[in-house]
Amino acid sequence: RQMVNNQDASPEGKVALLGVVSLLEGLIKEKTGQDG
């Protein structure tokens, strides 16, 4: 998330990083039982 917020990151890089953030959120929700 800090990398996404970095102003030096390219738009394409931010999109790729947001995909990683989404993947991590899913893994964290799965492990904490917050899948709904």
Full PDB file with SEQRES, HELIX, SHEET, SSBOND, CRYST1, ORIGX, SCALE, CONECT and MASTER records, all heavy atoms in Angstrom:
SEQRES   1 A   36  ARG GLN MET VAL ASN ASN GLN ASP ALA SER PRO GLU GLY          
SEQRES   2 A   36  LYS VAL ALA LEU LEU GLY VAL VAL SER LEU LEU GLU GLY          
SEQRES   3 A   36  LEU ILE LYS GLU LYS THR GLY GLN ASP GLY                      
HELIX    1 AA1 GLN A    2  ASN A    5  1                                   4    
HELIX    2 AA2 PRO A   11  THR A   32  1                                  22    
CRYST1    1.000    1.000    1.000  90.00  90.00  90.00 P 1           1          
ORIGX1      1.000000  0.000000  0.000000        0.00000                         
ORIGX2      0.000000  1.000000  0.000000        0.00000                         
ORIGX3      0.000000  0.000000  1.000000        0.00000                         
SCALE1      1.000000  0.000000  0.000000        0.00000                         
SCALE2      0.000000  1.000000  0.000000        0.00000                         
SCALE3      0.000000  0.000000  1.000000        0.00000                         
ATOM      1  N   ARG A   1       0.839  -1.212   0.000  1.00  0.00           N  
ATOM      2  CA  ARG A   1       0.000   0.000   0.000  1.00  0.00           C  
ATOM      3  C   ARG A   1       0.873   1.262   0.000  1.00  0.00           C  
ATOM      4  O   ARG A   1       0.535   2.249  -0.652  1.00  0.00           O  
ATOM      5  CB  ARG A   1      -0.927   0.020   1.206  1.00  0.00           C  
ATOM      6  CG  ARG A   1      -2.124  -0.888   1.076  1.00  0.00           C  
ATOM      7  CD  ARG A   1      -3.034  -0.732   2.295  1.00  0.00           C  
ATOM      8  NE  ARG A   1      -4.056  -1.741   2.306  1.00  0.00           N  
ATOM      9  CZ  ARG A   1      -5.256  -1.588   1.738  1.00  0.00           C  
ATOM     10  NH1 ARG A   1      -5.545  -0.483   1.113  1.00  0.00           N  
ATOM     11  NH2 ARG A   1      -6.134  -2.559   1.806  1.00  0.00           N  
ATOM     12  N   GLN A   2       1.973   1.224   0.722  1.00  0.00           N  
ATOM     13  CA  GLN A   2       2.888   2.369   0.727  1.00  0.00           C  
ATOM     14  C   GLN A   2       3.481   2.586  -0.658  1.00  0.00           C  
ATOM     15  O   GLN A   2       3.656   3.724  -1.095  1.00  0.00           O  
ATOM     16  CB  GLN A   2       3.981   2.169   1.773  1.00  0.00           C  
ATOM     17  CG  GLN A   2       3.478   2.276   3.197  1.00  0.00           C  
ATOM     18  CD  GLN A   2       4.510   1.881   4.241  1.00  0.00           C  
ATOM     19  OE1 GLN A   2       5.535   1.268   3.930  1.00  0.00           O  
ATOM     20  NE2 GLN A   2       4.245   2.238   5.493  1.00  0.00           N  
ATOM     21  N   MET A   3       3.778   1.503  -1.358  1.00  0.00           N  
ATOM     22  CA  MET A   3       4.297   1.622  -2.725  1.00  0.00           C  
ATOM     23  C   MET A   3       3.244   2.235  -3.649  1.00  0.00           C  
ATOM     24  O   MET A   3       3.572   3.034  -4.536  1.00  0.00           O  
ATOM     25  CB  MET A   3       4.711   0.251  -3.254  1.00  0.00           C  
ATOM     26  CG  MET A   3       5.934  -0.328  -2.609  1.00  0.00           C  
ATOM     27  SD  MET A   3       6.276  -1.935  -3.385  1.00  0.00           S  
ATOM     28  CE  MET A   3       7.034  -2.794  -2.039  1.00  0.00           C  
ATOM     29  N   VAL A   4       1.988   1.852  -3.466  1.00  0.00           N  
ATOM     30  CA  VAL A   4       0.899   2.403  -4.280  1.00  0.00           C  
ATOM     31  C   VAL A   4       0.800   3.903  -4.050  1.00  0.00           C  
ATOM     32  O   VAL A   4       0.581   4.676  -4.986  1.00  0.00           O  
ATOM     33  CB  VAL A   4      -0.449   1.710  -3.955  1.00  0.00           C  
ATOM     34  CG1 VAL A   4      -1.619   2.447  -4.598  1.00  0.00           C  
ATOM     35  CG2 VAL A   4      -0.427   0.257  -4.397  1.00  0.00           C  
ATOM     36  N   ASN A   5       0.962   4.335  -2.813  1.00  0.00           N  
ATOM     37  CA  ASN A   5       0.835   5.747  -2.473  1.00  0.00           C  
ATOM     38  C   ASN A   5       2.065   6.569  -2.858  1.00  0.00           C  
ATOM     39  O   ASN A   5       2.020   7.798  -2.803  1.00  0.00           O  
ATOM     40  CB  ASN A   5       0.548   5.909  -0.980  1.00  0.00           C  
ATOM     41  CG  ASN A   5      -0.825   5.373  -0.617  1.00  0.00           C  
ATOM     42  OD1 ASN A   5      -1.744   5.405  -1.422  1.00  0.00           O  
ATOM     43  ND2 ASN A   5      -0.959   4.868   0.595  1.00  0.00           N  
ATOM     44  N   ASN A   6       3.137   5.918  -3.282  1.00  0.00           N  
ATOM     45  CA  ASN A   6       4.352   6.609  -3.687  1.00  0.00           C  
ATOM     46  C   ASN A   6       4.084   7.376  -4.987  1.00  0.00           C  
ATOM     47  O   ASN A   6       3.632   6.802  -5.965  1.00  0.00           O  
ATOM     48  CB  ASN A   6       5.485   5.600  -3.895  1.00  0.00           C  
ATOM     49  CG  ASN A   6       6.803   6.254  -4.227  1.00  0.00           C  
ATOM     50  OD1 ASN A   6       6.871   7.427  -4.555  1.00  0.00           O  
ATOM     51  ND2 ASN A   6       7.855   5.465  -4.139  1.00  0.00           N  
ATOM     52  N   GLN A   7       4.372   8.665  -4.979  1.00  0.00           N  
ATOM     53  CA  GLN A   7       4.109   9.504  -6.151  1.00  0.00           C  
ATOM     54  C   GLN A   7       4.995   9.145  -7.336  1.00  0.00           C  
ATOM     55  O   GLN A   7       4.680   9.478  -8.472  1.00  0.00           O  
ATOM     56  CB  GLN A   7       4.273  10.979  -5.792  1.00  0.00           C  
ATOM     57  CG  GLN A   7       3.230  11.472  -4.819  1.00  0.00           C  
ATOM     58  CD  GLN A   7       3.432  12.937  -4.445  1.00  0.00           C  
ATOM     59  OE1 GLN A   7       4.444  13.527  -4.758  1.00  0.00           O  
ATOM     60  NE2 GLN A   7       2.446  13.493  -3.755  1.00  0.00           N  
ATOM     61  N   ASP A   8       6.102   8.489  -7.091  1.00  0.00           N  
ATOM     62  CA  ASP A   8       7.019   8.118  -8.173  1.00  0.00           C  
ATOM     63  C   ASP A   8       6.579   6.864  -8.926  1.00  0.00           C  
ATOM     64  O   ASP A   8       7.138   6.556  -9.982  1.00  0.00           O  
ATOM     65  CB  ASP A   8       8.426   7.906  -7.626  1.00  0.00           C  
ATOM     66  CG  ASP A   8       9.041   9.196  -7.086  1.00  0.00           C  
ATOM     67  OD1 ASP A   8       8.656  10.283  -7.574  1.00  0.00           O  
ATOM     68  OD2 ASP A   8       9.887   9.116  -6.178  1.00  0.00           O  
ATOM     69  N   ALA A   9       5.602   6.156  -8.396  1.00  0.00           N  
ATOM     70  CA  ALA A   9       5.144   4.929  -9.045  1.00  0.00           C  
ATOM     71  C   ALA A   9       4.335   5.273 -10.293  1.00  0.00           C  
ATOM     72  O   ALA A   9       3.524   6.197 -10.296  1.00  0.00           O  
ATOM     73  CB  ALA A   9       4.297   4.103  -8.091  1.00  0.00           C  
ATOM     74  N   SER A  10       4.568   4.535 -11.361  1.00  0.00           N  
ATOM     75  CA  SER A  10       3.829   4.768 -12.611  1.00  0.00           C  
ATOM     76  C   SER A  10       2.389   4.291 -12.449  1.00  0.00           C  
ATOM     77  O   SER A  10       2.091   3.437 -11.598  1.00  0.00           O  
ATOM     78  CB  SER A  10       4.493   4.012 -13.756  1.00  0.00           C  
ATOM     79  OG  SER A  10       4.310   2.615 -13.597  1.00  0.00           O  
ATOM     80  N   PRO A  11       1.486   4.810 -13.263  1.00  0.00           N  
ATOM     81  CA  PRO A  11       0.089   4.344 -13.200  1.00  0.00           C  
ATOM     82  C   PRO A  11      -0.039   2.834 -13.429  1.00  0.00           C  
ATOM     83  O   PRO A  11      -0.821   2.165 -12.755  1.00  0.00           O  
ATOM     84  CB  PRO A  11      -0.605   5.132 -14.313  1.00  0.00           C  
ATOM     85  CG  PRO A  11       0.214   6.373 -14.468  1.00  0.00           C  
ATOM     86  CD  PRO A  11       1.629   5.939 -14.193  1.00  0.00           C  
ATOM     87  N   GLU A  12       0.759   2.301 -14.353  1.00  0.00           N  
ATOM     88  CA  GLU A  12       0.715   0.862 -14.619  1.00  0.00           C  
ATOM     89  C   GLU A  12       1.205   0.069 -13.407  1.00  0.00           C  
ATOM     90  O   GLU A  12       0.664  -0.981 -13.074  1.00  0.00           O  
ATOM     91  CB  GLU A  12       1.571   0.504 -15.845  1.00  0.00           C  
ATOM     92  CG  GLU A  12       1.090   1.097 -17.141  1.00  0.00           C  
ATOM     93  CD  GLU A  12       1.589   2.523 -17.377  1.00  0.00           C  
ATOM     94  OE1 GLU A  12       2.476   3.011 -16.633  1.00  0.00           O  
ATOM     95  OE2 GLU A  12       1.090   3.167 -18.303  1.00  0.00           O  
ATOM     96  N   GLY A  13       2.244   0.601 -12.772  1.00  0.00           N  
ATOM     97  CA  GLY A  13       2.763  -0.045 -11.572  1.00  0.00           C  
ATOM     98  C   GLY A  13       1.760  -0.033 -10.441  1.00  0.00           C  
ATOM     99  O   GLY A  13       1.611  -1.017  -9.712  1.00  0.00           O  
ATOM    100  N   LYS A  14       1.044   1.085 -10.308  1.00  0.00           N  
ATOM    101  CA  LYS A  14       0.030   1.185  -9.256  1.00  0.00           C  
ATOM    102  C   LYS A  14      -1.096   0.188  -9.480  1.00  0.00           C  
ATOM    103  O   LYS A  14      -1.579  -0.431  -8.538  1.00  0.00           O  
ATOM    104  CB  LYS A  14      -0.519   2.606  -9.179  1.00  0.00           C  
ATOM    105  CG  LYS A  14       0.472   3.589  -8.586  1.00  0.00           C  
ATOM    106  CD  LYS A  14      -0.119   4.962  -8.445  1.00  0.00           C  
ATOM    107  CE  LYS A  14       0.925   5.901  -7.847  1.00  0.00           C  
ATOM    108  NZ  LYS A  14       0.356   7.193  -7.486  1.00  0.00           N  
ATOM    109  N   VAL A  15      -1.489   0.008 -10.740  1.00  0.00           N  
ATOM    110  CA  VAL A  15      -2.546  -0.962 -11.046  1.00  0.00           C  
ATOM    111  C   VAL A  15      -2.093  -2.371 -10.665  1.00  0.00           C  
ATOM    112  O   VAL A  15      -2.842  -3.134 -10.045  1.00  0.00           O  
ATOM    113  CB  VAL A  15      -2.946  -0.893 -12.540  1.00  0.00           C  
ATOM    114  CG1 VAL A  15      -3.843  -2.058 -12.929  1.00  0.00           C  
ATOM    115  CG2 VAL A  15      -3.636   0.430 -12.841  1.00  0.00           C  
ATOM    116  N   ALA A  16      -0.864  -2.710 -11.016  1.00  0.00           N  
ATOM    117  CA  ALA A  16      -0.334  -4.032 -10.675  1.00  0.00           C  
ATOM    118  C   ALA A  16      -0.259  -4.210  -9.164  1.00  0.00           C  
ATOM    119  O   ALA A  16      -0.625  -5.265  -8.632  1.00  0.00           O  
ATOM    120  CB  ALA A  16       1.042  -4.222 -11.299  1.00  0.00           C  
ATOM    121  N   LEU A  17       0.196  -3.178  -8.463  1.00  0.00           N  
ATOM    122  CA  LEU A  17       0.300  -3.261  -7.006  1.00  0.00           C  
ATOM    123  C   LEU A  17      -1.075  -3.378  -6.353  1.00  0.00           C  
ATOM    124  O   LEU A  17      -1.235  -4.085  -5.353  1.00  0.00           O  
ATOM    125  CB  LEU A  17       1.046  -2.045  -6.457  1.00  0.00           C  
ATOM    126  CG  LEU A  17       2.543  -1.996  -6.781  1.00  0.00           C  
ATOM    127  CD1 LEU A  17       3.121  -0.639  -6.397  1.00  0.00           C  
ATOM    128  CD2 LEU A  17       3.289  -3.114  -6.075  1.00  0.00           C  
ATOM    129  N   LEU A  18      -2.069  -2.695  -6.916  1.00  0.00           N  
ATOM    130  CA  LEU A  18      -3.418  -2.814  -6.366  1.00  0.00           C  
ATOM    131  C   LEU A  18      -3.954  -4.231  -6.511  1.00  0.00           C  
ATOM    132  O   LEU A  18      -4.702  -4.712  -5.663  1.00  0.00           O  
ATOM    133  CB  LEU A  18      -4.356  -1.804  -7.032  1.00  0.00           C  
ATOM    134  CG  LEU A  18      -4.139  -0.354  -6.608  1.00  0.00           C  
ATOM    135  CD1 LEU A  18      -4.984   0.583  -7.476  1.00  0.00           C  
ATOM    136  CD2 LEU A  18      -4.466  -0.155  -5.137  1.00  0.00           C  
ATOM    137  N   GLY A  19      -3.546  -4.913  -7.571  1.00  0.00           N  
ATOM    138  CA  GLY A  19      -3.911  -6.330  -7.720  1.00  0.00           C  
ATOM    139  C   GLY A  19      -3.304  -7.170  -6.615  1.00  0.00           C  
ATOM    140  O   GLY A  19      -3.951  -8.073  -6.072  1.00  0.00           O  
ATOM    141  N   VAL A  20      -2.074  -6.861  -6.251  1.00  0.00           N  
ATOM    142  CA  VAL A  20      -1.406  -7.574  -5.155  1.00  0.00           C  
ATOM    143  C   VAL A  20      -2.106  -7.279  -3.832  1.00  0.00           C  
ATOM    144  O   VAL A  20      -2.333  -8.183  -3.020  1.00  0.00           O  
ATOM    145  CB  VAL A  20       0.096  -7.198  -5.085  1.00  0.00           C  
ATOM    146  CG1 VAL A  20       0.753  -7.808  -3.863  1.00  0.00           C  
ATOM    147  CG2 VAL A  20       0.808  -7.621  -6.351  1.00  0.00           C  
ATOM    148  N   VAL A  21      -2.483  -6.010  -3.631  1.00  0.00           N  
ATOM    149  CA  VAL A  21      -3.202  -5.643  -2.402  1.00  0.00           C  
ATOM    150  C   VAL A  21      -4.503  -6.425  -2.311  1.00  0.00           C  
ATOM    151  O   VAL A  21      -4.856  -6.953  -1.257  1.00  0.00           O  
ATOM    152  CB  VAL A  21      -3.477  -4.119  -2.342  1.00  0.00           C  
ATOM    153  CG1 VAL A  21      -4.441  -3.774  -1.227  1.00  0.00           C  
ATOM    154  CG2 VAL A  21      -2.176  -3.345  -2.163  1.00  0.00           C  
ATOM    155  N   SER A  22      -5.213  -6.525  -3.418  1.00  0.00           N  
ATOM    156  CA  SER A  22      -6.472  -7.272  -3.440  1.00  0.00           C  
ATOM    157  C   SER A  22      -6.258  -8.744  -3.102  1.00  0.00           C  
ATOM    158  O   SER A  22      -7.018  -9.338  -2.320  1.00  0.00           O  
ATOM    159  CB  SER A  22      -7.119  -7.139  -4.816  1.00  0.00           C  
ATOM    160  OG  SER A  22      -8.310  -7.855  -4.887  1.00  0.00           O  
ATOM    161  N   LEU A  23      -5.223  -9.332  -3.672  1.00  0.00           N  
ATOM    162  CA  LEU A  23      -4.892 -10.732  -3.377  1.00  0.00           C  
ATOM    163  C   LEU A  23      -4.587 -10.908  -1.893  1.00  0.00           C  
ATOM    164  O   LEU A  23      -5.093 -11.839  -1.248  1.00  0.00           O  
ATOM    165  CB  LEU A  23      -3.698 -11.178  -4.216  1.00  0.00           C  
ATOM    166  CG  LEU A  23      -3.125 -12.543  -3.874  1.00  0.00           C  
ATOM    167  CD1 LEU A  23      -4.055 -13.642  -4.352  1.00  0.00           C  
ATOM    168  CD2 LEU A  23      -1.752 -12.711  -4.476  1.00  0.00           C  
ATOM    169  N   LEU A  24      -3.792 -10.016  -1.349  1.00  0.00           N  
ATOM    170  CA  LEU A  24      -3.436 -10.096   0.072  1.00  0.00           C  
ATOM    171  C   LEU A  24      -4.662  -9.926   0.959  1.00  0.00           C  
ATOM    172  O   LEU A  24      -4.812 -10.634   1.961  1.00  0.00           O  
ATOM    173  CB  LEU A  24      -2.370  -9.053   0.414  1.00  0.00           C  
ATOM    174  CG  LEU A  24      -0.994  -9.305  -0.210  1.00  0.00           C  
ATOM    175  CD1 LEU A  24      -0.118  -8.069  -0.066  1.00  0.00           C  
ATOM    176  CD2 LEU A  24      -0.332 -10.512   0.411  1.00  0.00           C  
ATOM    177  N   GLU A  25      -5.553  -9.001   0.596  1.00  0.00           N  
ATOM    178  CA  GLU A  25      -6.780  -8.810   1.373  1.00  0.00           C  
ATOM    179  C   GLU A  25      -7.602 -10.095   1.413  1.00  0.00           C  
ATOM    180  O   GLU A  25      -8.134 -10.474   2.455  1.00  0.00           O  
ATOM    181  CB  GLU A  25      -7.615  -7.677   0.790  1.00  0.00           C  
ATOM    182  CG  GLU A  25      -7.103  -6.307   1.109  1.00  0.00           C  
ATOM    183  CD  GLU A  25      -7.928  -5.196   0.466  1.00  0.00           C  
ATOM    184  OE1 GLU A  25      -8.896  -5.489  -0.266  1.00  0.00           O  
ATOM    185  OE2 GLU A  25      -7.586  -4.038   0.707  1.00  0.00           O  
ATOM    186  N   GLY A  26      -7.693 -10.767   0.265  1.00  0.00           N  
ATOM    187  CA  GLY A  26      -8.428 -12.030   0.211  1.00  0.00           C  
ATOM    188  C   GLY A  26      -7.808 -13.093   1.099  1.00  0.00           C  
ATOM    189  O   GLY A  26      -8.520 -13.805   1.815  1.00  0.00           O  
ATOM    190  N   LEU A  27      -6.492 -13.196   1.065  1.00  0.00           N  
ATOM    191  CA  LEU A  27      -5.808 -14.177   1.916  1.00  0.00           C  
ATOM    192  C   LEU A  27      -6.008 -13.864   3.395  1.00  0.00           C  
ATOM    193  O   LEU A  27      -6.234 -14.761   4.209  1.00  0.00           O  
ATOM    194  CB  LEU A  27      -4.317 -14.218   1.584  1.00  0.00           C  
ATOM    195  CG  LEU A  27      -3.949 -14.788   0.217  1.00  0.00           C  
ATOM    196  CD1 LEU A  27      -2.473 -14.558  -0.078  1.00  0.00           C  
ATOM    197  CD2 LEU A  27      -4.294 -16.259   0.151  1.00  0.00           C  
ATOM    198  N   ILE A  28      -5.923 -12.588   3.738  1.00  0.00           N  
ATOM    199  CA  ILE A  28      -6.096 -12.182   5.141  1.00  0.00           C  
ATOM    200  C   ILE A  28      -7.528 -12.457   5.597  1.00  0.00           C  
ATOM    201  O   ILE A  28      -7.741 -12.995   6.686  1.00  0.00           O  
ATOM    202  CB  ILE A  28      -5.713 -10.696   5.322  1.00  0.00           C  
ATOM    203  CG1 ILE A  28      -4.199 -10.533   5.141  1.00  0.00           C  
ATOM    204  CG2 ILE A  28      -6.165 -10.174   6.676  1.00  0.00           C  
ATOM    205  CD1 ILE A  28      -3.741  -9.085   5.005  1.00  0.00           C  
ATOM    206  N   LYS A  29      -8.498 -12.128   4.766  1.00  0.00           N  
ATOM    207  CA  LYS A  29      -9.899 -12.380   5.131  1.00  0.00           C  
ATOM    208  C   LYS A  29     -10.153 -13.872   5.310  1.00  0.00           C  
ATOM    209  O   LYS A  29     -10.870 -14.285   6.208  1.00  0.00           O  
ATOM    210  CB  LYS A  29     -10.835 -11.802   4.076  1.00  0.00           C  
ATOM    211  CG  LYS A  29     -10.959 -10.311   4.158  1.00  0.00           C  
ATOM    212  CD  LYS A  29     -11.913  -9.782   3.111  1.00  0.00           C  
ATOM    213  CE  LYS A  29     -12.029  -8.283   3.208  1.00  0.00           C  
ATOM    214  NZ  LYS A  29     -12.945  -7.741   2.201  1.00  0.00           N  
ATOM    215  N   GLU A  30      -9.561 -14.661   4.426  1.00  0.00           N  
ATOM    216  CA  GLU A  30      -9.727 -16.115   4.522  1.00  0.00           C  
ATOM    217  C   GLU A  30      -9.157 -16.644   5.838  1.00  0.00           C  
ATOM    218  O   GLU A  30      -9.761 -17.474   6.509  1.00  0.00           O  
ATOM    219  CB  GLU A  30      -9.044 -16.786   3.339  1.00  0.00           C  
ATOM    220  CG  GLU A  30      -9.225 -18.278   3.296  1.00  0.00           C  
ATOM    221  CD  GLU A  30      -8.535 -18.882   2.096  1.00  0.00           C  
ATOM    222  OE1 GLU A  30      -8.722 -18.395   0.977  1.00  0.00           O  
ATOM    223  OE2 GLU A  30      -7.784 -19.866   2.294  1.00  0.00           O  
ATOM    224  N   LYS A  31      -7.975 -16.158   6.201  1.00  0.00           N  
ATOM    225  CA  LYS A  31      -7.320 -16.638   7.419  1.00  0.00           C  
ATOM    226  C   LYS A  31      -8.011 -16.149   8.686  1.00  0.00           C  
ATOM    227  O   LYS A  31      -7.939 -16.794   9.723  1.00  0.00           O  
ATOM    228  CB  LYS A  31      -5.849 -16.192   7.452  1.00  0.00           C  
ATOM    229  CG  LYS A  31      -4.987 -16.956   6.503  1.00  0.00           C  
ATOM    230  CD  LYS A  31      -4.885 -18.385   6.939  1.00  0.00           C  
ATOM    231  CE  LYS A  31      -4.085 -19.213   5.995  1.00  0.00           C  
ATOM    232  NZ  LYS A  31      -4.205 -20.636   6.256  1.00  0.00           N  
ATOM    233  N   THR A  32      -8.675 -14.992   8.613  1.00  0.00           N  
ATOM    234  CA  THR A  32      -9.334 -14.450   9.803  1.00  0.00           C  
ATOM    235  C   THR A  32     -10.820 -14.783   9.840  1.00  0.00           C  
ATOM    236  O   THR A  32     -11.516 -14.392  10.761  1.00  0.00           O  
ATOM    237  CB  THR A  32      -9.151 -12.920   9.892  1.00  0.00           C  
ATOM    238  OG1 THR A  32      -9.688 -12.318   8.715  1.00  0.00           O  
ATOM    239  CG2 THR A  32      -7.699 -12.554  10.066  1.00  0.00           C  
ATOM    240  N   GLY A  33     -11.297 -15.501   8.814  1.00  0.00           N  
ATOM    241  CA  GLY A  33     -12.706 -15.900   8.803  1.00  0.00           C  
ATOM    242  C   GLY A  33     -13.653 -14.758   8.494  1.00  0.00           C  
ATOM    243  O   GLY A  33     -14.807 -14.799   8.880  1.00  0.00           O  
ATOM    244  N   GLN A  34     -13.186 -13.751   7.778  1.00  0.00           N  
ATOM    245  CA  GLN A  34     -14.016 -12.602   7.434  1.00  0.00           C  
ATOM    246  C   GLN A  34     -14.503 -12.682   6.000  1.00  0.00           C  
ATOM    247  O   GLN A  34     -14.694 -11.679   5.341  1.00  0.00           O  
ATOM    248  CB  GLN A  34     -13.234 -11.299   7.627  1.00  0.00           C  
ATOM    249  CG  GLN A  34     -12.805 -11.050   9.039  1.00  0.00           C  
ATOM    250  CD  GLN A  34     -11.940  -9.800   9.145  1.00  0.00           C  
ATOM    251  OE1 GLN A  34     -11.684  -9.111   8.181  1.00  0.00           O  
ATOM    252  NE2 GLN A  34     -11.486  -9.527  10.344  1.00  0.00           N  
ATOM    253  N   ASP A  35     -14.735 -13.868   5.512  1.00  0.00           N  
ATOM    254  CA  ASP A  35     -15.157 -14.056   4.128  1.00  0.00           C  
ATOM    255  C   ASP A  35     -16.603 -13.675   3.887  1.00  0.00           C  
ATOM    256  O   ASP A  35     -17.036 -13.587   2.759  1.00  0.00           O  
ATOM    257  CB  ASP A  35     -14.961 -15.521   3.724  1.00  0.00           C  
ATOM    258  CG  ASP A  35     -13.844 -15.685   2.723  1.00  0.00           C  
ATOM    259  OD1 ASP A  35     -13.292 -14.673   2.287  1.00  0.00           O  
ATOM    260  OD2 ASP A  35     -13.540 -16.831   2.396  1.00  0.00           O  
ATOM    261  N   GLY A  36     -17.370 -13.488   4.923  1.00  0.00           N  
ATOM    262  CA  GLY A  36     -18.783 -13.170   4.757  1.00  0.00           C  
ATOM    263  C   GLY A  36     -19.527 -14.375   4.231  1.00  0.00           C  
ATOM    264  O   GLY A  36     -19.346 -15.490   4.696  1.00  0.00           O  
TER     265      GLY A  36                                                      
MASTER        0    0    0    2    0    0    0    6  264    1    0    3          
END                                                                             
